[in-house]
C-alpha cells in the first residue's frame, strides 16, 4: 500500500500511516530500518505486507511435537540510501 506518514516518534520508532481510504495504522519501525531519521510527517511511503497461516493436522492421539516454530528473516537499505527494509516472521 501507499500511505502518508501522519505521525512519527523517532525516539520510540512509532510511525502512524494513513492509506488512501483514510484508514490509519500505527507500527513500530524495527531497528533494521536504519535510515528512519530521514522519514518525516507528510512523506509518502510504500509499504508491502502480507499475512499467512500454515497449519498441520495430526491424527487423534498423535505423539508428534506440537511446539510452535518461529522463523525470522529480513534485509535493509544500506546506510545513506532511502529508507527501506523487508522483514518476515513465521510461526
N, C-alpha and C. Protein backbone atom coordinates (compact mmCIF):
# COMPACT_ATOMS: atom_id res chain seq x y z
N UNK A 1 0.84 -1.18 0.00
CA UNK A 1 0.00 0.00 0.00
C UNK A 1 0.88 1.23 0.00
N UNK A 2 0.33 2.32 -0.48
CA UNK A 2 0.99 3.61 -0.39
C UNK A 2 0.27 4.38 0.71
N UNK A 3 1.04 4.98 1.58
CA UNK A 3 0.45 5.68 2.72
C UNK A 3 1.23 6.95 3.01
N UNK A 4 0.55 7.85 3.70
CA UNK A 4 1.20 9.09 4.12
C UNK A 4 1.55 8.97 5.60
N UNK A 5 2.73 9.45 5.96
CA UNK A 5 3.15 9.43 7.36
C UNK A 5 2.37 10.53 8.08
N UNK A 6 1.53 10.12 9.02
CA UNK A 6 0.70 11.04 9.79
C UNK A 6 1.41 11.52 11.05
N UNK A 7 2.17 10.62 11.66
CA UNK A 7 2.91 10.95 12.89
C UNK A 7 4.11 10.02 12.97
N UNK A 8 5.16 10.54 13.58
CA UNK A 8 6.35 9.70 13.77
C UNK A 8 7.06 10.16 15.04
N UNK A 9 7.41 9.20 15.85
CA UNK A 9 8.19 9.47 17.06
C UNK A 9 9.53 8.76 16.86
N UNK A 10 10.52 9.53 16.46
CA UNK A 10 11.82 8.93 16.16
C UNK A 10 12.44 8.26 17.39
N UNK A 11 12.15 8.76 18.57
CA UNK A 11 12.74 8.18 19.78
C UNK A 11 12.18 6.78 20.05
N UNK A 12 10.85 6.63 19.93
CA UNK A 12 10.23 5.32 20.20
C UNK A 12 10.07 4.49 18.93
N UNK A 13 10.29 5.12 17.75
CA UNK A 13 10.19 4.48 16.45
C UNK A 13 8.75 4.09 16.08
N UNK A 14 7.78 4.75 16.70
CA UNK A 14 6.37 4.51 16.37
C UNK A 14 5.98 5.42 15.21
N UNK A 15 5.39 4.82 14.17
CA UNK A 15 5.03 5.55 12.95
C UNK A 15 3.54 5.30 12.67
N UNK A 16 2.78 6.37 12.48
CA UNK A 16 1.37 6.25 12.12
C UNK A 16 1.24 6.55 10.64
N UNK A 17 0.63 5.62 9.91
CA UNK A 17 0.44 5.73 8.47
C UNK A 17 -1.04 5.84 8.15
N UNK A 18 -1.38 6.61 7.11
CA UNK A 18 -2.76 6.75 6.66
C UNK A 18 -2.83 6.38 5.18
N UNK A 19 -3.70 5.40 4.85
CA UNK A 19 -3.79 4.97 3.46
C UNK A 19 -4.78 5.82 2.68
N UNK A 20 -4.97 5.52 1.40
CA UNK A 20 -5.83 6.32 0.52
C UNK A 20 -7.29 6.29 0.96
N UNK A 21 -7.71 5.25 1.69
CA UNK A 21 -9.08 5.13 2.18
C UNK A 21 -9.28 5.88 3.50
N UNK A 22 -8.23 6.51 4.01
CA UNK A 22 -8.32 7.26 5.25
C UNK A 22 -8.11 6.42 6.50
N UNK A 23 -7.82 5.13 6.32
CA UNK A 23 -7.56 4.25 7.47
C UNK A 23 -6.15 4.49 7.97
N UNK A 24 -5.99 4.47 9.29
CA UNK A 24 -4.66 4.65 9.86
C UNK A 24 -4.23 3.40 10.60
N UNK A 25 -2.94 3.23 10.63
CA UNK A 25 -2.33 2.12 11.37
C UNK A 25 -1.04 2.65 11.97
N UNK A 26 -0.76 2.24 13.20
CA UNK A 26 0.48 2.64 13.85
C UNK A 26 1.35 1.40 14.00
N UNK A 27 2.59 1.53 13.57
CA UNK A 27 3.53 0.41 13.62
C UNK A 27 4.79 0.85 14.36
N UNK A 28 5.52 -0.11 14.86
CA UNK A 28 6.83 0.19 15.43
C UNK A 28 7.87 -0.22 14.40
N UNK A 29 8.64 0.77 13.96
CA UNK A 29 9.70 0.51 12.98
C UNK A 29 10.86 -0.14 13.71
N UNK A 30 11.23 -1.31 13.26
CA UNK A 30 12.31 -2.04 13.92
C UNK A 30 13.66 -1.35 13.70
N UNK A 31 14.64 -1.77 14.45
CA UNK A 31 15.99 -1.21 14.34
C UNK A 31 16.60 -1.51 12.97
N UNK A 32 16.06 -2.49 12.25
CA UNK A 32 16.57 -2.80 10.91
C UNK A 32 16.36 -1.63 9.95
N UNK A 33 15.40 -0.78 10.24
CA UNK A 33 15.17 0.40 9.39
C UNK A 33 16.14 1.47 9.85
N UNK A 34 17.37 1.37 9.35
CA UNK A 34 18.44 2.23 9.87
C UNK A 34 18.37 3.66 9.37
N UNK A 35 17.62 3.95 8.32
CA UNK A 35 17.53 5.30 7.79
C UNK A 35 16.22 5.98 8.18
N UNK A 36 15.58 5.52 9.24
CA UNK A 36 14.32 6.10 9.70
C UNK A 36 14.40 7.60 9.96
N UNK A 37 15.52 8.14 10.44
CA UNK A 37 15.59 9.59 10.67
C UNK A 37 15.32 10.43 9.42
N UNK A 38 15.42 9.83 8.24
CA UNK A 38 15.14 10.57 7.01
C UNK A 38 13.64 10.71 6.76
N UNK A 39 12.81 9.92 7.43
CA UNK A 39 11.36 9.95 7.22
C UNK A 39 10.74 11.03 8.10
N UNK A 40 9.85 11.81 7.51
CA UNK A 40 9.20 12.91 8.23
C UNK A 40 7.69 12.86 8.02
N UNK A 41 6.94 13.52 8.90
CA UNK A 41 5.49 13.65 8.75
C UNK A 41 5.20 14.27 7.39
N UNK A 42 4.22 13.71 6.68
CA UNK A 42 3.85 14.20 5.36
C UNK A 42 4.46 13.41 4.23
N UNK A 43 5.53 12.65 4.50
CA UNK A 43 6.15 11.83 3.47
C UNK A 43 5.18 10.74 3.02
N UNK A 44 5.27 10.38 1.76
CA UNK A 44 4.51 9.25 1.23
C UNK A 44 5.46 8.06 1.17
N UNK A 45 5.01 6.95 1.71
CA UNK A 45 5.84 5.75 1.74
C UNK A 45 5.07 4.58 1.11
N UNK A 46 5.81 3.64 0.59
CA UNK A 46 5.21 2.41 0.06
C UNK A 46 5.49 1.30 1.05
N UNK A 47 4.44 0.59 1.41
CA UNK A 47 4.56 -0.49 2.39
C UNK A 47 3.96 -1.75 1.78
N UNK A 48 4.70 -2.82 1.83
CA UNK A 48 4.19 -4.12 1.37
C UNK A 48 4.15 -5.06 2.56
N UNK A 49 3.04 -5.76 2.69
CA UNK A 49 2.95 -6.71 3.78
C UNK A 49 1.95 -7.79 3.41
N UNK A 50 2.05 -8.89 4.06
CA UNK A 50 1.09 -9.97 3.89
C UNK A 50 1.03 -10.77 5.16
N UNK A 51 -0.04 -11.46 5.31
CA UNK A 51 -0.17 -12.39 6.43
C UNK A 51 -0.49 -13.76 5.86
N UNK A 52 -0.06 -14.75 6.55
CA UNK A 52 -0.30 -16.12 6.10
C UNK A 52 -0.43 -17.02 7.32
N UNK A 53 -1.09 -18.12 7.11
CA UNK A 53 -1.26 -19.09 8.17
C UNK A 53 -0.97 -20.46 7.61
N UNK A 54 -0.17 -21.21 8.32
CA UNK A 54 0.11 -22.59 7.94
C UNK A 54 -0.29 -23.47 9.11
N UNK A 55 -0.91 -24.59 8.81
CA UNK A 55 -1.37 -25.48 9.87
C UNK A 55 -1.01 -26.92 9.52
N UNK A 56 -0.82 -27.69 10.55
CA UNK A 56 -0.56 -29.11 10.38
C UNK A 56 -1.63 -29.86 11.16
N UNK A 57 -2.31 -30.75 10.47
CA UNK A 57 -3.36 -31.53 11.12
C UNK A 57 -2.78 -32.89 11.48
N UNK A 58 -2.92 -33.26 12.75
CA UNK A 58 -2.36 -34.52 13.25
C UNK A 58 -3.50 -35.47 13.60
N UNK A 59 -3.25 -36.73 13.43
CA UNK A 59 -4.27 -37.70 13.82
C UNK A 59 -4.49 -37.68 15.34
N UNK A 60 -5.69 -37.99 15.75
CA UNK A 60 -6.00 -38.04 17.17
C UNK A 60 -5.05 -39.02 17.86
N UNK A 61 -4.51 -38.59 19.00
CA UNK A 61 -3.58 -39.44 19.74
C UNK A 61 -2.15 -39.39 19.23
N UNK A 62 -1.88 -38.52 18.27
CA UNK A 62 -0.54 -38.41 17.71
C UNK A 62 0.46 -38.00 18.79
N UNK A 63 1.67 -38.52 18.70
CA UNK A 63 2.71 -38.18 19.67
C UNK A 63 3.69 -37.17 19.09
N UNK A 64 3.40 -36.66 17.89
CA UNK A 64 4.27 -35.66 17.29
C UNK A 64 4.27 -34.40 18.15
N UNK A 65 5.40 -33.72 18.15
CA UNK A 65 5.55 -32.48 18.90
C UNK A 65 4.55 -31.44 18.41
N UNK A 66 3.97 -30.70 19.34
CA UNK A 66 3.05 -29.64 18.96
C UNK A 66 3.63 -28.27 19.29
N UNK A 67 4.94 -28.20 19.45
CA UNK A 67 5.55 -26.91 19.79
C UNK A 67 5.47 -25.95 18.61
N UNK A 68 5.39 -24.67 18.92
CA UNK A 68 5.30 -23.62 17.91
C UNK A 68 6.70 -23.36 17.38
N UNK A 69 6.81 -23.27 16.07
CA UNK A 69 8.09 -22.92 15.44
C UNK A 69 8.02 -21.48 14.98
N UNK A 70 9.14 -20.79 15.06
CA UNK A 70 9.16 -19.37 14.72
C UNK A 70 10.42 -19.08 13.94
N UNK A 71 10.28 -18.49 12.75
CA UNK A 71 11.42 -18.13 11.91
C UNK A 71 11.33 -16.64 11.57
N UNK A 72 12.48 -15.99 11.50
CA UNK A 72 12.53 -14.56 11.19
C UNK A 72 13.63 -14.32 10.17
N UNK A 73 13.40 -13.38 9.25
CA UNK A 73 14.42 -13.01 8.28
C UNK A 73 14.20 -11.58 7.84
N UNK A 74 15.17 -11.00 7.17
CA UNK A 74 14.98 -9.63 6.71
C UNK A 74 16.16 -9.08 5.96
N UNK A 75 15.97 -7.89 5.41
CA UNK A 75 17.01 -7.16 4.71
C UNK A 75 16.73 -5.68 4.89
N UNK A 76 17.75 -4.85 4.75
CA UNK A 76 17.54 -3.42 4.95
C UNK A 76 18.39 -2.61 3.99
N UNK A 77 18.04 -1.33 3.86
CA UNK A 77 18.76 -0.42 2.97
C UNK A 77 20.14 -0.12 3.53
N UNK A 78 21.08 0.13 2.65
CA UNK A 78 22.43 0.48 3.06
C UNK A 78 22.41 1.88 3.68
N UNK A 79 23.35 2.16 4.59
CA UNK A 79 23.41 3.50 5.19
C UNK A 79 23.50 4.58 4.12
N UNK A 80 22.73 5.64 4.30
CA UNK A 80 22.75 6.76 3.36
C UNK A 80 21.75 6.64 2.23
N UNK A 81 21.23 5.46 1.97
CA UNK A 81 20.23 5.30 0.92
C UNK A 81 18.85 5.67 1.46
N UNK A 82 17.86 5.69 0.58
CA UNK A 82 16.50 5.96 1.01
C UNK A 82 16.08 4.89 2.00
N UNK A 83 15.28 5.26 3.01
CA UNK A 83 14.86 4.28 4.00
C UNK A 83 14.12 3.12 3.35
N UNK A 84 14.39 1.93 3.81
CA UNK A 84 13.70 0.76 3.30
C UNK A 84 14.11 -0.47 4.07
N UNK A 85 13.23 -1.43 4.10
CA UNK A 85 13.54 -2.70 4.74
C UNK A 85 12.53 -3.73 4.32
N UNK A 86 12.86 -4.96 4.54
CA UNK A 86 11.97 -6.07 4.33
C UNK A 86 12.14 -6.96 5.54
N UNK A 87 11.05 -7.43 6.08
CA UNK A 87 11.13 -8.34 7.22
C UNK A 87 10.08 -9.42 7.06
N UNK A 88 10.38 -10.57 7.57
CA UNK A 88 9.43 -11.68 7.52
C UNK A 88 9.52 -12.43 8.85
N UNK A 89 8.39 -12.86 9.31
CA UNK A 89 8.33 -13.66 10.52
C UNK A 89 7.31 -14.75 10.30
N UNK A 90 7.62 -15.93 10.76
CA UNK A 90 6.71 -17.05 10.61
C UNK A 90 6.68 -17.84 11.90
N UNK A 91 5.50 -18.19 12.31
CA UNK A 91 5.32 -19.04 13.48
C UNK A 91 5.01 -20.43 13.04
